[in-house]
Amino acid sequence: MSETMKIVLMVLIMIGVFILTLRFSAWKTKRACDFILRDLKAKKAFDPASAVELPYSKTSLFHLGMRDYRPRALSALVKFDHVRIQQEGRYYLRDGHKLDGPS
């Protein structure tokens, strides 16, 4: 195999690894979003009066083990208005979201 083919093959492998890494991260974030929505439904946090604190809403600097995607997923859910936050750091589902899907 020529040197040029080796370089092209290595670049293609690196691009493939990069794309797979992005897809894996997106998959883990989606699973974390689903977990958060199920957790809020289970705690019946449907309005500001029933808002709950979530233990995984804050990240720690020193974390051992696997990466926790829940804080990033929670910020994405707040950003896209699926979940709302109160000033005290309590979270609840947006109106009408409780009717989506099975509990």
N, C-alpha and C. Protein backbone atom coordinates (compact mmCIF):
# COMPACT_ATOMS: atom_id res chain seq x y z
N MET A 1 0.86 -1.17 0.00
CA MET A 1 0.00 0.00 0.00
C MET A 1 0.91 1.23 0.00
N SER A 2 0.57 2.20 -0.84
CA SER A 2 1.39 3.40 -0.94
C SER A 2 1.21 4.29 0.28
N GLU A 3 2.16 5.18 0.47
CA GLU A 3 2.13 6.09 1.61
C GLU A 3 0.91 7.01 1.55
N THR A 4 0.51 7.45 0.38
CA THR A 4 -0.65 8.32 0.21
C THR A 4 -1.93 7.60 0.62
N MET A 5 -2.06 6.35 0.24
CA MET A 5 -3.25 5.56 0.61
C MET A 5 -3.33 5.36 2.12
N LYS A 6 -2.18 5.16 2.76
CA LYS A 6 -2.16 4.99 4.21
C LYS A 6 -2.63 6.27 4.91
N ILE A 7 -2.20 7.41 4.41
CA ILE A 7 -2.59 8.69 5.00
C ILE A 7 -4.09 8.92 4.81
N VAL A 8 -4.59 8.67 3.61
CA VAL A 8 -6.01 8.86 3.32
C VAL A 8 -6.85 7.92 4.20
N LEU A 9 -6.41 6.68 4.32
CA LEU A 9 -7.12 5.72 5.15
C LEU A 9 -7.13 6.15 6.62
N MET A 10 -6.02 6.65 7.11
CA MET A 10 -5.94 7.09 8.51
C MET A 10 -6.83 8.30 8.74
N VAL A 11 -6.89 9.22 7.79
CA VAL A 11 -7.77 10.39 7.92
C VAL A 11 -9.23 9.95 7.93
N LEU A 12 -9.60 9.02 7.08
CA LEU A 12 -10.97 8.51 7.05
C LEU A 12 -11.33 7.80 8.35
N ILE A 13 -10.39 7.05 8.90
CA ILE A 13 -10.64 6.39 10.18
C ILE A 13 -10.84 7.41 11.28
N MET A 14 -10.04 8.46 11.30
CA MET A 14 -10.16 9.50 12.32
C MET A 14 -11.51 10.23 12.20
N ILE A 15 -11.94 10.50 10.98
CA ILE A 15 -13.25 11.15 10.77
C ILE A 15 -14.37 10.22 11.26
N GLY A 16 -14.25 8.94 10.96
CA GLY A 16 -15.25 7.97 11.42
C GLY A 16 -15.32 7.88 12.93
N VAL A 17 -14.18 7.88 13.59
CA VAL A 17 -14.15 7.83 15.06
C VAL A 17 -14.77 9.10 15.63
N PHE A 18 -14.49 10.24 15.04
CA PHE A 18 -15.06 11.50 15.50
C PHE A 18 -16.58 11.50 15.37
N ILE A 19 -17.10 11.03 14.26
CA ILE A 19 -18.55 10.98 14.05
C ILE A 19 -19.20 10.00 15.02
N LEU A 20 -18.59 8.85 15.23
CA LEU A 20 -19.14 7.88 16.18
C LEU A 20 -19.13 8.42 17.61
N THR A 21 -18.12 9.17 17.97
CA THR A 21 -18.05 9.78 19.30
C THR A 21 -19.18 10.78 19.49
N LEU A 22 -19.44 11.60 18.47
CA LEU A 22 -20.53 12.57 18.55
C LEU A 22 -21.89 11.87 18.66
N ARG A 23 -22.08 10.82 17.91
CA ARG A 23 -23.35 10.08 17.95
C ARG A 23 -23.55 9.41 19.31
N PHE A 24 -22.47 8.86 19.89
CA PHE A 24 -22.55 8.24 21.20
C PHE A 24 -22.92 9.27 22.27
N SER A 25 -22.30 10.44 22.19
CA SER A 25 -22.59 11.51 23.15
C SER A 25 -24.04 11.97 23.02
N ALA A 26 -24.53 12.10 21.80
CA ALA A 26 -25.93 12.50 21.58
C ALA A 26 -26.89 11.43 22.10
N TRP A 27 -26.56 10.17 21.91
CA TRP A 27 -27.39 9.07 22.40
C TRP A 27 -27.46 9.07 23.92
N LYS A 28 -26.31 9.26 24.58
CA LYS A 28 -26.28 9.30 26.04
C LYS A 28 -27.05 10.50 26.58
N THR A 29 -26.96 11.64 25.90
CA THR A 29 -27.69 12.84 26.33
C THR A 29 -29.18 12.63 26.17
N LYS A 30 -29.62 11.99 25.09
CA LYS A 30 -31.05 11.72 24.90
C LYS A 30 -31.57 10.77 25.97
N ARG A 31 -30.79 9.76 26.32
CA ARG A 31 -31.20 8.85 27.39
C ARG A 31 -31.30 9.58 28.72
N ALA A 32 -30.38 10.52 28.96
CA ALA A 32 -30.42 11.31 30.20
C ALA A 32 -31.65 12.21 30.21
N CYS A 33 -32.01 12.78 29.06
CA CYS A 33 -33.23 13.61 28.97
C CYS A 33 -34.46 12.78 29.27
N ASP A 34 -34.53 11.60 28.70
CA ASP A 34 -35.68 10.72 28.97
C ASP A 34 -35.74 10.35 30.45
N PHE A 35 -34.60 10.10 31.07
CA PHE A 35 -34.56 9.78 32.49
C PHE A 35 -35.08 10.95 33.32
N ILE A 36 -34.67 12.17 32.99
CA ILE A 36 -35.10 13.35 33.75
C ILE A 36 -36.60 13.56 33.61
N LEU A 37 -37.12 13.42 32.40
CA LEU A 37 -38.56 13.59 32.20
C LEU A 37 -39.36 12.54 32.96
N ARG A 38 -38.89 11.28 32.93
CA ARG A 38 -39.57 10.22 33.70
C ARG A 38 -39.49 10.50 35.20
N ASP A 39 -38.34 11.00 35.65
CA ASP A 39 -38.16 11.30 37.07
C ASP A 39 -39.10 12.41 37.52
N LEU A 40 -39.23 13.45 36.71
CA LEU A 40 -40.14 14.54 37.07
C LEU A 40 -41.60 14.08 37.03
N LYS A 41 -41.94 13.21 36.08
CA LYS A 41 -43.30 12.66 36.05
C LYS A 41 -43.57 11.80 37.27
N ALA A 42 -42.59 11.00 37.65
CA ALA A 42 -42.77 10.13 38.82
C ALA A 42 -42.92 10.94 40.10
N LYS A 43 -42.24 12.08 40.17
CA LYS A 43 -42.34 12.94 41.35
C LYS A 43 -43.53 13.89 41.26
N LYS A 44 -44.27 13.80 40.15
CA LYS A 44 -45.47 14.63 39.92
C LYS A 44 -45.16 16.12 40.02
N ALA A 45 -44.07 16.53 39.39
CA ALA A 45 -43.66 17.94 39.36
C ALA A 45 -44.21 18.56 38.08
N PHE A 46 -45.49 18.95 38.13
CA PHE A 46 -46.18 19.45 36.94
C PHE A 46 -46.40 20.95 36.95
N ASP A 47 -46.22 21.60 38.09
CA ASP A 47 -46.43 23.05 38.15
C ASP A 47 -45.47 23.64 39.20
N PRO A 48 -45.41 24.97 39.28
CA PRO A 48 -44.47 25.59 40.23
C PRO A 48 -44.71 25.18 41.68
N ALA A 49 -45.94 24.89 42.04
CA ALA A 49 -46.23 24.50 43.42
C ALA A 49 -45.67 23.12 43.76
N SER A 50 -45.57 22.25 42.77
CA SER A 50 -45.06 20.90 43.02
C SER A 50 -43.64 20.70 42.52
N ALA A 51 -42.92 21.79 42.27
CA ALA A 51 -41.55 21.70 41.77
C ALA A 51 -40.66 21.00 42.78
N VAL A 52 -39.67 20.27 42.26
CA VAL A 52 -38.78 19.49 43.12
C VAL A 52 -37.32 19.84 42.82
N GLU A 53 -36.47 19.61 43.81
CA GLU A 53 -35.03 19.76 43.60
C GLU A 53 -34.51 18.46 43.02
N LEU A 54 -33.58 18.58 42.08
CA LEU A 54 -32.98 17.41 41.48
C LEU A 54 -31.53 17.30 41.94
N PRO A 55 -31.13 16.16 42.48
CA PRO A 55 -29.77 16.05 43.01
C PRO A 55 -28.69 16.12 41.94
N TYR A 56 -29.03 15.83 40.72
CA TYR A 56 -28.04 15.83 39.64
C TYR A 56 -28.04 17.13 38.85
N SER A 57 -28.63 18.18 39.40
CA SER A 57 -28.67 19.45 38.68
C SER A 57 -27.33 20.19 38.72
N LYS A 58 -26.49 19.85 39.66
CA LYS A 58 -25.20 20.50 39.78
C LYS A 58 -24.09 19.50 39.49
N THR A 59 -23.03 19.99 38.87
CA THR A 59 -21.89 19.13 38.59
C THR A 59 -20.82 19.35 39.66
N SER A 60 -20.06 18.31 39.92
CA SER A 60 -18.95 18.44 40.86
C SER A 60 -17.64 18.43 40.08
N LEU A 61 -16.65 19.09 40.63
CA LEU A 61 -15.36 19.14 39.96
C LEU A 61 -14.62 17.81 40.02
N PHE A 62 -14.77 17.12 41.13
CA PHE A 62 -14.08 15.85 41.32
C PHE A 62 -15.09 14.72 41.29
N HIS A 63 -15.16 14.06 40.17
CA HIS A 63 -16.11 12.97 40.00
C HIS A 63 -15.34 11.74 39.52
N LEU A 64 -15.52 10.66 40.21
CA LEU A 64 -14.88 9.41 39.82
C LEU A 64 -15.91 8.54 39.12
N GLY A 65 -15.49 7.84 38.11
CA GLY A 65 -16.38 6.94 37.41
C GLY A 65 -16.79 7.47 36.05
N MET A 66 -17.90 6.95 35.56
CA MET A 66 -18.38 7.32 34.23
C MET A 66 -18.89 8.76 34.21
N ARG A 67 -18.90 9.34 33.04
CA ARG A 67 -19.38 10.71 32.89
C ARG A 67 -20.89 10.76 33.10
N ASP A 68 -21.34 11.78 33.82
CA ASP A 68 -22.76 11.96 34.08
C ASP A 68 -23.31 12.98 33.08
N TYR A 69 -24.21 12.54 32.22
CA TYR A 69 -24.78 13.41 31.19
C TYR A 69 -26.01 14.15 31.67
N ARG A 70 -26.51 13.85 32.87
CA ARG A 70 -27.75 14.43 33.35
C ARG A 70 -27.70 15.95 33.54
N PRO A 71 -26.64 16.54 34.10
CA PRO A 71 -26.63 18.01 34.21
C PRO A 71 -26.69 18.72 32.86
N ARG A 72 -25.96 18.19 31.88
CA ARG A 72 -26.00 18.78 30.54
C ARG A 72 -27.37 18.58 29.89
N ALA A 73 -27.96 17.43 30.09
CA ALA A 73 -29.29 17.16 29.53
C ALA A 73 -30.34 18.04 30.20
N LEU A 74 -30.21 18.26 31.50
CA LEU A 74 -31.15 19.12 32.22
C LEU A 74 -31.07 20.55 31.72
N SER A 75 -29.86 21.05 31.47
CA SER A 75 -29.73 22.41 30.94
C SER A 75 -30.31 22.51 29.53
N ALA A 76 -30.19 21.45 28.75
CA ALA A 76 -30.79 21.45 27.41
C ALA A 76 -32.31 21.43 27.50
N LEU A 77 -32.87 20.66 28.43
CA LEU A 77 -34.33 20.63 28.60
C LEU A 77 -34.86 21.98 29.05
N VAL A 78 -34.11 22.68 29.90
CA VAL A 78 -34.52 24.02 30.33
C VAL A 78 -34.41 24.99 29.17
N LYS A 79 -33.34 24.86 28.39
CA LYS A 79 -33.13 25.76 27.25
C LYS A 79 -34.25 25.62 26.22
N PHE A 80 -34.69 24.40 25.95
CA PHE A 80 -35.73 24.16 24.96
C PHE A 80 -37.13 24.16 25.56
N ASP A 81 -37.26 24.57 26.82
CA ASP A 81 -38.53 24.81 27.51
C ASP A 81 -39.38 23.55 27.67
N HIS A 82 -38.74 22.41 27.86
CA HIS A 82 -39.49 21.22 28.24
C HIS A 82 -39.63 21.15 29.75
N VAL A 83 -38.62 21.70 30.42
CA VAL A 83 -38.60 21.75 31.88
C VAL A 83 -38.38 23.20 32.27
N ARG A 84 -39.04 23.62 33.32
CA ARG A 84 -38.87 24.99 33.81
C ARG A 84 -38.21 24.97 35.17
N ILE A 85 -37.51 26.06 35.47
CA ILE A 85 -36.77 26.16 36.72
C ILE A 85 -37.28 27.36 37.51
N GLN A 86 -37.34 27.21 38.82
CA GLN A 86 -37.71 28.31 39.69
C GLN A 86 -36.44 28.95 40.23
N GLN A 87 -36.57 30.09 40.87
CA GLN A 87 -35.41 30.81 41.39
C GLN A 87 -34.66 30.00 42.44
N GLU A 88 -35.34 29.15 43.17
CA GLU A 88 -34.71 28.39 44.24
C GLU A 88 -33.97 27.15 43.73
N GLY A 89 -33.96 26.93 42.43
CA GLY A 89 -33.30 25.76 41.88
C GLY A 89 -34.17 24.52 41.87
N ARG A 90 -35.47 24.72 41.85
CA ARG A 90 -36.43 23.61 41.79
C ARG A 90 -36.97 23.52 40.36
N TYR A 91 -37.23 22.30 39.91
CA TYR A 91 -37.61 22.05 38.52
C TYR A 91 -39.01 21.44 38.45
N TYR A 92 -39.69 21.74 37.34
CA TYR A 92 -41.00 21.13 37.06
C TYR A 92 -41.21 21.07 35.56
N LEU A 93 -42.12 20.20 35.14
CA LEU A 93 -42.42 20.03 33.72
C LEU A 93 -43.26 21.20 33.21
N ARG A 94 -43.07 21.53 31.96
CA ARG A 94 -43.85 22.57 31.31
C ARG A 94 -45.30 22.12 31.19
N ASP A 95 -46.24 23.07 31.14
CA ASP A 95 -47.66 22.75 31.02
C ASP A 95 -47.91 21.91 29.78
N GLY A 96 -48.73 20.88 29.94
CA GLY A 96 -49.08 20.02 28.82
C GLY A 96 -48.08 18.91 28.59
N HIS A 97 -46.92 18.99 29.15
CA HIS A 97 -45.92 17.96 28.92
C HIS A 97 -46.24 16.67 29.67
N LYS A 98 -47.05 16.77 30.73
CA LYS A 98 -47.38 15.59 31.52
C LYS A 98 -48.26 14.62 30.75
N LEU A 99 -48.92 15.08 29.68
CA LEU A 99 -49.80 14.22 28.91
C LEU A 99 -49.08 13.46 27.82
N ASP A 100 -47.81 13.78 27.56
CA ASP A 100 -47.05 13.12 26.50
C ASP A 100 -46.56 11.76 26.96
N GLY A 101 -46.91 10.73 26.23
CA GLY A 101 -46.38 9.39 26.48
C GLY A 101 -46.89 8.76 27.76
N PRO A 102 -46.54 7.48 27.95
CA PRO A 102 -46.95 6.77 29.16
C PRO A 102 -46.12 7.21 30.35
N SER A 103 -46.68 7.10 31.54
CA SER A 103 -45.97 7.50 32.77
C SER A 103 -45.03 6.45 33.22
